[in-house]
Amino acid sequence: MSGKLTLRDVRADVAELLYEDPSELTDEEDLLDWGLDSVRIMSLVERWRARGVEITFADLAERTTLAEWWAVLEPKLPA
């Protein structure tokens, strides 16, 4: 995947790991309730780091919704 990471990409990546359709995940739902765990979060961190996003596991683990994640991710996107 190339180009700048978008909220749509984040939703699709999370949905893929949860074996769900991206349209099923709203911005405000608790991802832990959907079955997201620390191993999957680390997988997402590595995926997004490969795209140039300076993100850490702690940045995401302390938050539980796509909206909260995007608020952390967006400012860390590469220029």
PDB file of N, CA and C in Angstrom:
ATOM      1  N   MET A   1       0.844  -1.170   0.000  1.00  0.00           N
ATOM      2  CA  MET A   1       0.000   0.000   0.000  1.00  0.00           C
ATOM      3  C   MET A   1       0.890   1.234   0.000  1.00  0.00           C
ATOM      4  N   SER A   2       0.554   2.193  -0.827  1.00  0.00           N
ATOM      5  CA  SER A   2       1.342   3.411  -0.874  1.00  0.00           C
ATOM      6  C   SER A   2       0.433   4.608  -0.659  1.00  0.00           C
ATOM      7  N   GLY A   3       1.050   5.787  -0.571  1.00  0.00           N
ATOM      8  CA  GLY A   3       0.270   6.993  -0.341  1.00  0.00           C
ATOM      9  C   GLY A   3       0.063   7.241   1.139  1.00  0.00           C
ATOM     10  N   LYS A   4      -0.523   8.384   1.399  1.00  0.00           N
ATOM     11  CA  LYS A   4      -0.756   8.806   2.774  1.00  0.00           C
ATOM     12  C   LYS A   4      -1.869   7.980   3.421  1.00  0.00           C
ATOM     13  N   LEU A   5      -1.619   7.550   4.639  1.00  0.00           N
ATOM     14  CA  LEU A   5      -2.599   6.790   5.400  1.00  0.00           C
ATOM     15  C   LEU A   5      -3.828   7.658   5.648  1.00  0.00           C
ATOM     16  N   THR A   6      -5.005   7.086   5.473  1.00  0.00           N
ATOM     17  CA  THR A   6      -6.259   7.794   5.712  1.00  0.00           C
ATOM     18  C   THR A   6      -7.064   7.076   6.782  1.00  0.00           C
ATOM     19  N   LEU A   7      -8.084   7.745   7.282  1.00  0.00           N
ATOM     20  CA  LEU A   7      -8.987   7.106   8.240  1.00  0.00           C
ATOM     21  C   LEU A   7      -9.634   5.878   7.602  1.00  0.00           C
ATOM     22  N   ARG A   8      -9.939   5.983   6.344  1.00  0.00           N
ATOM     23  CA  ARG A   8     -10.528   4.830   5.625  1.00  0.00           C
ATOM     24  C   ARG A   8      -9.566   3.639   5.630  1.00  0.00           C
ATOM     25  N   ASP A   9      -8.268   3.895   5.421  1.00  0.00           N
ATOM     26  CA  ASP A   9      -7.257   2.831   5.475  1.00  0.00           C
ATOM     27  C   ASP A   9      -7.195   2.213   6.867  1.00  0.00           C
ATOM     28  N   VAL A  10      -7.219   3.068   7.876  1.00  0.00           N
ATOM     29  CA  VAL A  10      -7.157   2.586   9.265  1.00  0.00           C
ATOM     30  C   VAL A  10      -8.345   1.673   9.542  1.00  0.00           C
ATOM     31  N   ARG A  11      -9.523   2.108   9.155  1.00  0.00           N
ATOM     32  CA  ARG A  11     -10.729   1.302   9.357  1.00  0.00           C
ATOM     33  C   ARG A  11     -10.605  -0.045   8.620  1.00  0.00           C
ATOM     34  N   ALA A  12     -10.136   0.002   7.387  1.00  0.00           N
ATOM     35  CA  ALA A  12      -9.994  -1.222   6.597  1.00  0.00           C
ATOM     36  C   ALA A  12      -8.966  -2.169   7.210  1.00  0.00           C
ATOM     37  N   ASP A  13      -7.856  -1.623   7.698  1.00  0.00           N
ATOM     38  CA  ASP A  13      -6.820  -2.457   8.321  1.00  0.00           C
ATOM     39  C   ASP A  13      -7.337  -3.130   9.586  1.00  0.00           C
ATOM     40  N   VAL A  14      -8.044  -2.370  10.405  1.00  0.00           N
ATOM     41  CA  VAL A  14      -8.607  -2.933  11.640  1.00  0.00           C
ATOM     42  C   VAL A  14      -9.654  -3.989  11.298  1.00  0.00           C
ATOM     43  N   ALA A  15     -10.526  -3.678  10.382  1.00  0.00           N
ATOM     44  CA  ALA A  15     -11.578  -4.631   9.989  1.00  0.00           C
ATOM     45  C   ALA A  15     -10.974  -5.922   9.453  1.00  0.00           C
ATOM     46  N   GLU A  16      -9.909  -5.812   8.683  1.00  0.00           N
ATOM     47  CA  GLU A  16      -9.250  -7.008   8.141  1.00  0.00           C
ATOM     48  C   GLU A  16      -8.773  -7.927   9.263  1.00  0.00           C
ATOM     49  N   LEU A  17      -8.152  -7.353  10.282  1.00  0.00           N
ATOM     50  CA  LEU A  17      -7.653  -8.162  11.395  1.00  0.00           C
ATOM     51  C   LEU A  17      -8.773  -8.775  12.230  1.00  0.00           C
ATOM     52  N   LEU A  18      -9.931  -8.140  12.200  1.00  0.00           N
ATOM     53  CA  LEU A  18     -11.075  -8.634  12.976  1.00  0.00           C
ATOM     54  C   LEU A  18     -12.016  -9.496  12.132  1.00  0.00           C
ATOM     55  N   TYR A  19     -11.666  -9.691  10.863  1.00  0.00           N
ATOM     56  CA  TYR A  19     -12.499 -10.461   9.936  1.00  0.00           C
ATOM     57  C   TYR A  19     -13.907  -9.879   9.846  1.00  0.00           C
ATOM     58  N   GLU A  20     -13.953  -8.560   9.746  1.00  0.00           N
ATOM     59  CA  GLU A  20     -15.219  -7.840   9.659  1.00  0.00           C
ATOM     60  C   GLU A  20     -15.224  -6.969   8.413  1.00  0.00           C
ATOM     61  N   ASP A  21     -16.395  -6.537   8.015  1.00  0.00           N
ATOM     62  CA  ASP A  21     -16.531  -5.586   6.929  1.00  0.00           C
ATOM     63  C   ASP A  21     -16.240  -4.194   7.500  1.00  0.00           C
ATOM     64  N   PRO A  22     -15.428  -3.386   6.816  1.00  0.00           N
ATOM     65  CA  PRO A  22     -15.118  -2.052   7.345  1.00  0.00           C
ATOM     66  C   PRO A  22     -16.353  -1.208   7.637  1.00  0.00           C
ATOM     67  N   SER A  23     -17.408  -1.406   6.881  1.00  0.00           N
ATOM     68  CA  SER A  23     -18.619  -0.605   7.107  1.00  0.00           C
ATOM     69  C   SER A  23     -19.295  -0.936   8.431  1.00  0.00           C
ATOM     70  N   GLU A  24     -18.930  -2.040   9.038  1.00  0.00           N
ATOM     71  CA  GLU A  24     -19.510  -2.425  10.326  1.00  0.00           C
ATOM     72  C   GLU A  24     -18.899  -1.652  11.502  1.00  0.00           C
ATOM     73  N   LEU A  25     -17.713  -1.105  11.310  1.00  0.00           N
ATOM     74  CA  LEU A  25     -17.005  -0.420  12.393  1.00  0.00           C
ATOM     75  C   LEU A  25     -17.263   1.077  12.342  1.00  0.00           C
ATOM     76  N   THR A  26     -17.870   1.609  13.384  1.00  0.00           N
ATOM     77  CA  THR A  26     -18.063   3.059  13.451  1.00  0.00           C
ATOM     78  C   THR A  26     -16.870   3.688  14.163  1.00  0.00           C
ATOM     79  N   ASP A  27     -16.757   5.002  14.051  1.00  0.00           N
ATOM     80  CA  ASP A  27     -15.630   5.703  14.652  1.00  0.00           C
ATOM     81  C   ASP A  27     -15.641   5.666  16.171  1.00  0.00           C
ATOM     82  N   GLU A  28     -16.806   5.479  16.768  1.00  0.00           N
ATOM     83  CA  GLU A  28     -16.933   5.583  18.225  1.00  0.00           C
ATOM     84  C   GLU A  28     -17.063   4.243  18.951  1.00  0.00           C
ATOM     85  N   GLU A  29     -17.072   3.149  18.226  1.00  0.00           N
ATOM     86  CA  GLU A  29     -17.217   1.847  18.890  1.00  0.00           C
ATOM     87  C   GLU A  29     -15.916   1.423  19.567  1.00  0.00           C
ATOM     88  N   ASP A  30     -16.046   0.770  20.693  1.00  0.00           N
ATOM     89  CA  ASP A  30     -14.894   0.256  21.423  1.00  0.00           C
ATOM     90  C   ASP A  30     -14.347  -0.956  20.667  1.00  0.00           C
ATOM     91  N   LEU A  31     -13.137  -0.829  20.149  1.00  0.00           N
ATOM     92  CA  LEU A  31     -12.545  -1.900  19.346  1.00  0.00           C
ATOM     93  C   LEU A  31     -12.244  -3.144  20.177  1.00  0.00           C
ATOM     94  N   LEU A  32     -12.081  -2.974  21.474  1.00  0.00           N
ATOM     95  CA  LEU A  32     -11.860  -4.133  22.337  1.00  0.00           C
ATOM     96  C   LEU A  32     -13.105  -5.013  22.377  1.00  0.00           C
ATOM     97  N   ASP A  33     -14.263  -4.381  22.299  1.00  0.00           N
ATOM     98  CA  ASP A  33     -15.515  -5.144  22.263  1.00  0.00           C
ATOM     99  C   ASP A  33     -15.625  -5.981  20.993  1.00  0.00           C
ATOM    100  N   TRP A  34     -14.928  -5.571  19.945  1.00  0.00           N
ATOM    101  CA  TRP A  34     -14.923  -6.300  18.675  1.00  0.00           C
ATOM    102  C   TRP A  34     -13.882  -7.413  18.670  1.00  0.00           C
ATOM    103  N   GLY A  35     -13.076  -7.480  19.720  1.00  0.00           N
ATOM    104  CA  GLY A  35     -12.079  -8.543  19.809  1.00  0.00           C
ATOM    105  C   GLY A  35     -10.655  -8.114  19.512  1.00  0.00           C
ATOM    106  N   LEU A  36     -10.431  -6.817  19.378  1.00  0.00           N
ATOM    107  CA  LEU A  36      -9.073  -6.346  19.144  1.00  0.00           C
ATOM    108  C   LEU A  36      -8.245  -6.585  20.397  1.00  0.00           C
ATOM    109  N   ASP A  37      -7.070  -7.159  20.224  1.00  0.00           N
ATOM    110  CA  ASP A  37      -6.200  -7.455  21.360  1.00  0.00           C
ATOM    111  C   ASP A  37      -4.813  -6.875  21.111  1.00  0.00           C
ATOM    112  N   SER A  38      -3.917  -7.038  22.082  1.00  0.00           N
ATOM    113  CA  SER A  38      -2.594  -6.420  22.004  1.00  0.00           C
ATOM    114  C   SER A  38      -1.770  -6.943  20.829  1.00  0.00           C
ATOM    115  N   VAL A  39      -1.909  -8.189  20.484  1.00  0.00           N
ATOM    116  CA  VAL A  39      -1.161  -8.748  19.352  1.00  0.00           C
ATOM    117  C   VAL A  39      -1.605  -8.084  18.054  1.00  0.00           C
ATOM    118  N   ARG A  40      -2.892  -7.906  17.895  1.00  0.00           N
ATOM    119  CA  ARG A  40      -3.409  -7.250  16.691  1.00  0.00           C
ATOM    120  C   ARG A  40      -3.030  -5.767  16.665  1.00  0.00           C
ATOM    121  N   ILE A  41      -3.055  -5.123  17.813  1.00  0.00           N
ATOM    122  CA  ILE A  41      -2.642  -3.719  17.861  1.00  0.00           C
ATOM    123  C   ILE A  41      -1.187  -3.601  17.428  1.00  0.00           C
ATOM    124  N   MET A  42      -0.325  -4.487  17.914  1.00  0.00           N
ATOM    125  CA  MET A  42       1.086  -4.441  17.532  1.00  0.00           C
ATOM    126  C   MET A  42       1.241  -4.664  16.030  1.00  0.00           C
ATOM    127  N   SER A  43       0.437  -5.534  15.468  1.00  0.00           N
ATOM    128  CA  SER A  43       0.459  -5.769  14.032  1.00  0.00           C
ATOM    129  C   SER A  43       0.115  -4.493  13.268  1.00  0.00           C
ATOM    130  N   LEU A  44      -0.877  -3.778  13.750  1.00  0.00           N
ATOM    131  CA  LEU A  44      -1.263  -2.513  13.116  1.00  0.00           C
ATOM    132  C   LEU A  44      -0.153  -1.471  13.251  1.00  0.00           C
ATOM    133  N   VAL A  45       0.458  -1.402  14.421  1.00  0.00           N
ATOM    134  CA  VAL A  45       1.564  -0.467  14.633  1.00  0.00           C
ATOM    135  C   VAL A  45       2.666  -0.739  13.617  1.00  0.00           C
ATOM    136  N   GLU A  46       3.045  -1.977  13.449  1.00  0.00           N
ATOM    137  CA  GLU A  46       4.105  -2.324  12.502  1.00  0.00           C
ATOM    138  C   GLU A  46       3.697  -2.008  11.070  1.00  0.00           C
ATOM    139  N   ARG A  47       2.465  -2.277  10.723  1.00  0.00           N
ATOM    140  CA  ARG A  47       1.955  -1.994   9.375  1.00  0.00           C
ATOM    141  C   ARG A  47       2.032  -0.496   9.088  1.00  0.00           C
ATOM    142  N   TRP A  48       1.612   0.302  10.056  1.00  0.00           N
ATOM    143  CA  TRP A  48       1.584   1.749   9.849  1.00  0.00           C
ATOM    144  C   TRP A  48       2.976   2.363   9.941  1.00  0.00           C
ATOM    145  N   ARG A  49       3.848   1.788  10.743  1.00  0.00           N
ATOM    146  CA  ARG A  49       5.239   2.253  10.772  1.00  0.00           C
ATOM    147  C   ARG A  49       5.886   2.039   9.409  1.00  0.00           C
ATOM    148  N   ALA A  50       5.559   0.918   8.781  1.00  0.00           N
ATOM    149  CA  ALA A  50       6.102   0.632   7.446  1.00  0.00           C
ATOM    150  C   ALA A  50       5.659   1.679   6.427  1.00  0.00           C
ATOM    151  N   ARG A  51       4.568   2.362   6.735  1.00  0.00           N
ATOM    152  CA  ARG A  51       4.064   3.434   5.863  1.00  0.00           C
ATOM    153  C   ARG A  51       4.560   4.806   6.318  1.00  0.00           C
ATOM    154  N   GLY A  52       5.479   4.828   7.277  1.00  0.00           N
ATOM    155  CA  GLY A  52       6.101   6.073   7.692  1.00  0.00           C
ATOM    156  C   GLY A  52       5.451   6.786   8.853  1.00  0.00           C
ATOM    157  N   VAL A  53       4.478   6.166   9.495  1.00  0.00           N
ATOM    158  CA  VAL A  53       3.796   6.798  10.633  1.00  0.00           C
ATOM    159  C   VAL A  53       4.589   6.498  11.902  1.00  0.00           C
ATOM    160  N   GLU A  54       4.981   7.543  12.611  1.00  0.00           N
ATOM    161  CA  GLU A  54       5.755   7.393  13.848  1.00  0.00           C
ATOM    162  C   GLU A  54       4.804   7.128  15.016  1.00  0.00           C
ATOM    163  N   ILE A  55       4.357   5.899  15.127  1.00  0.00           N
ATOM    164  CA  ILE A  55       3.360   5.518  16.133  1.00  0.00           C
ATOM    165  C   ILE A  55       3.949   4.452  17.052  1.00  0.00           C
ATOM    166  N   THR A  56       3.485   4.409  18.287  1.00  0.00           N
ATOM    167  CA  THR A  56       3.928   3.370  19.213  1.00  0.00           C
ATOM    168  C   THR A  56       2.733   2.544  19.669  1.00  0.00           C
ATOM    169  N   PHE A  57       3.028   1.400  20.210  1.00  0.00           N
ATOM    170  CA  PHE A  57       1.982   0.541  20.766  1.00  0.00           C
ATOM    171  C   PHE A  57       1.195   1.301  21.831  1.00  0.00           C
ATOM    172  N   ALA A  58       1.897   2.001  22.697  1.00  0.00           N
ATOM    173  CA  ALA A  58       1.235   2.728  23.789  1.00  0.00           C
ATOM    174  C   ALA A  58       0.276   3.792  23.263  1.00  0.00           C
ATOM    175  N   ASP A  59       0.635   4.427  22.144  1.00  0.00           N
ATOM    176  CA  ASP A  59      -0.251   5.436  21.557  1.00  0.00           C
ATOM    177  C   ASP A  59      -1.636   4.869  21.284  1.00  0.00           C
ATOM    178  N   LEU A  60      -1.680   3.631  20.820  1.00  0.00           N
ATOM    179  CA  LEU A  60      -2.958   3.014  20.460  1.00  0.00           C
ATOM    180  C   LEU A  60      -3.577   2.250  21.621  1.00  0.00           C
ATOM    181  N   ALA A  61      -2.776   1.572  22.407  1.00  0.00           N
ATOM    182  CA  ALA A  61      -3.299   0.728  23.484  1.00  0.00           C
ATOM    183  C   ALA A  61      -4.052   1.530  24.531  1.00  0.00           C
ATOM    184  N   GLU A  62      -3.717   2.804  24.680  1.00  0.00           N
ATOM    185  CA  GLU A  62      -4.378   3.652  25.669  1.00  0.00           C
ATOM    186  C   GLU A  62      -5.726   4.176  25.180  1.00  0.00           C
ATOM    187  N   ARG A  63      -6.054   3.894  23.917  1.00  0.00           N
ATOM    188  CA  ARG A  63      -7.297   4.383  23.314  1.00  0.00           C
ATOM    189  C   ARG A  63      -8.061   3.208  22.729  1.00  0.00           C
ATOM    190  N   THR A  64      -9.362   3.346  22.558  1.00  0.00           N
ATOM    191  CA  THR A  64     -10.130   2.164  22.135  1.00  0.00           C
ATOM    192  C   THR A  64     -11.053   2.374  20.945  1.00  0.00           C
ATOM    193  N   THR A  65     -11.069   3.577  20.371  1.00  0.00           N
ATOM    194  CA  THR A  65     -11.966   3.802  19.234  1.00  0.00           C
ATOM    195  C   THR A  65     -11.170   4.285  18.017  1.00  0.00           C
ATOM    196  N   LEU A  66     -11.750   4.108  16.844  1.00  0.00           N
ATOM    197  CA  LEU A  66     -11.116   4.600  15.627  1.00  0.00           C
ATOM    198  C   LEU A  66     -10.943   6.118  15.669  1.00  0.00           C
ATOM    199  N   ALA A  67     -11.922   6.819  16.211  1.00  0.00           N
ATOM    200  CA  ALA A  67     -11.827   8.284  16.312  1.00  0.00           C
ATOM    201  C   ALA A  67     -10.633   8.695  17.172  1.00  0.00           C
ATOM    202  N   GLU A  68     -10.451   8.023  18.295  1.00  0.00           N
ATOM    203  CA  GLU A  68      -9.311   8.330  19.171  1.00  0.00           C
ATOM    204  C   GLU A  68      -7.999   7.981  18.483  1.00  0.00           C
ATOM    205  N   TRP A  69      -7.972   6.862  17.795  1.00  0.00           N
ATOM    206  CA  TRP A  69      -6.759   6.462  17.076  1.00  0.00           C
ATOM    207  C   TRP A  69      -6.418   7.480  16.001  1.00  0.00           C
ATOM    208  N   TRP A  70      -7.410   7.901  15.238  1.00  0.00           N
ATOM    209  CA  TRP A  70      -7.155   8.841  14.159  1.00  0.00           C
ATOM    210  C   TRP A  70      -6.636  10.171  14.703  1.00  0.00           C
ATOM    211  N   ALA A  71      -7.149  10.598  15.847  1.00  0.00           N
ATOM    212  CA  ALA A  71      -6.676  11.837  16.469  1.00  0.00           C
ATOM    213  C   ALA A  71      -5.193  11.748  16.814  1.00  0.00           C
ATOM    214  N   VAL A  72      -4.707  10.560  17.128  1.00  0.00           N
ATOM    215  CA  VAL A  72      -3.288  10.351  17.426  1.00  0.00           C
ATOM    216  C   VAL A  72      -2.491  10.142  16.133  1.00  0.00           C
ATOM    217  N   LEU A  73      -3.048   9.384  15.214  1.00  0.00           N
ATOM    218  CA  LEU A  73      -2.327   9.055  13.981  1.00  0.00           C
ATOM    219  C   LEU A  73      -2.144  10.244  13.045  1.00  0.00           C
ATOM    220  N   GLU A  74      -3.189  11.013  12.838  1.00  0.00           N
ATOM    221  CA  GLU A  74      -3.156  12.054  11.823  1.00  0.00           C
ATOM    222  C   GLU A  74      -1.979  13.023  11.974  1.00  0.00           C
ATOM    223  N   PRO A  75      -1.699  13.530  13.183  1.00  0.00           N
ATOM    224  CA  PRO A  75      -0.564  14.448  13.313  1.00  0.00           C
ATOM    225  C   PRO A  75       0.803  13.773  13.106  1.00  0.00           C
ATOM    226  N   LYS A  76       0.843  12.452  13.153  1.00  0.00           N
ATOM    227  CA  LYS A  76       2.101  11.724  13.028  1.00  0.00           C
ATOM    228  C   LYS A  76       2.348  11.210  11.603  1.00  0.00           C
ATOM    229  N   LEU A  77       1.442  11.532  10.687  1.00  0.00           N
ATOM    230  CA  LEU A  77       1.610  11.090   9.303  1.00  0.00           C
ATOM    231  C   LEU A  77       2.815  11.781   8.684  1.00  0.00           C
ATOM    232  N   PRO A  78       3.532  11.059   7.823  1.00  0.00           N
ATOM    233  CA  PRO A  78       4.676  11.696   7.162  1.00  0.00           C
ATOM    234  C   PRO A  78       4.209  12.822   6.241  1.00  0.00           C
ATOM    235  N   ALA A  79       5.030  13.831   6.113  1.00  0.00           N
ATOM    236  CA  ALA A  79       4.673  14.988   5.261  1.00  0.00           C
ATOM    237  C   ALA A  79       4.626  14.625   3.789  1.00  0.00           C
TER     238      ALA A  79
END
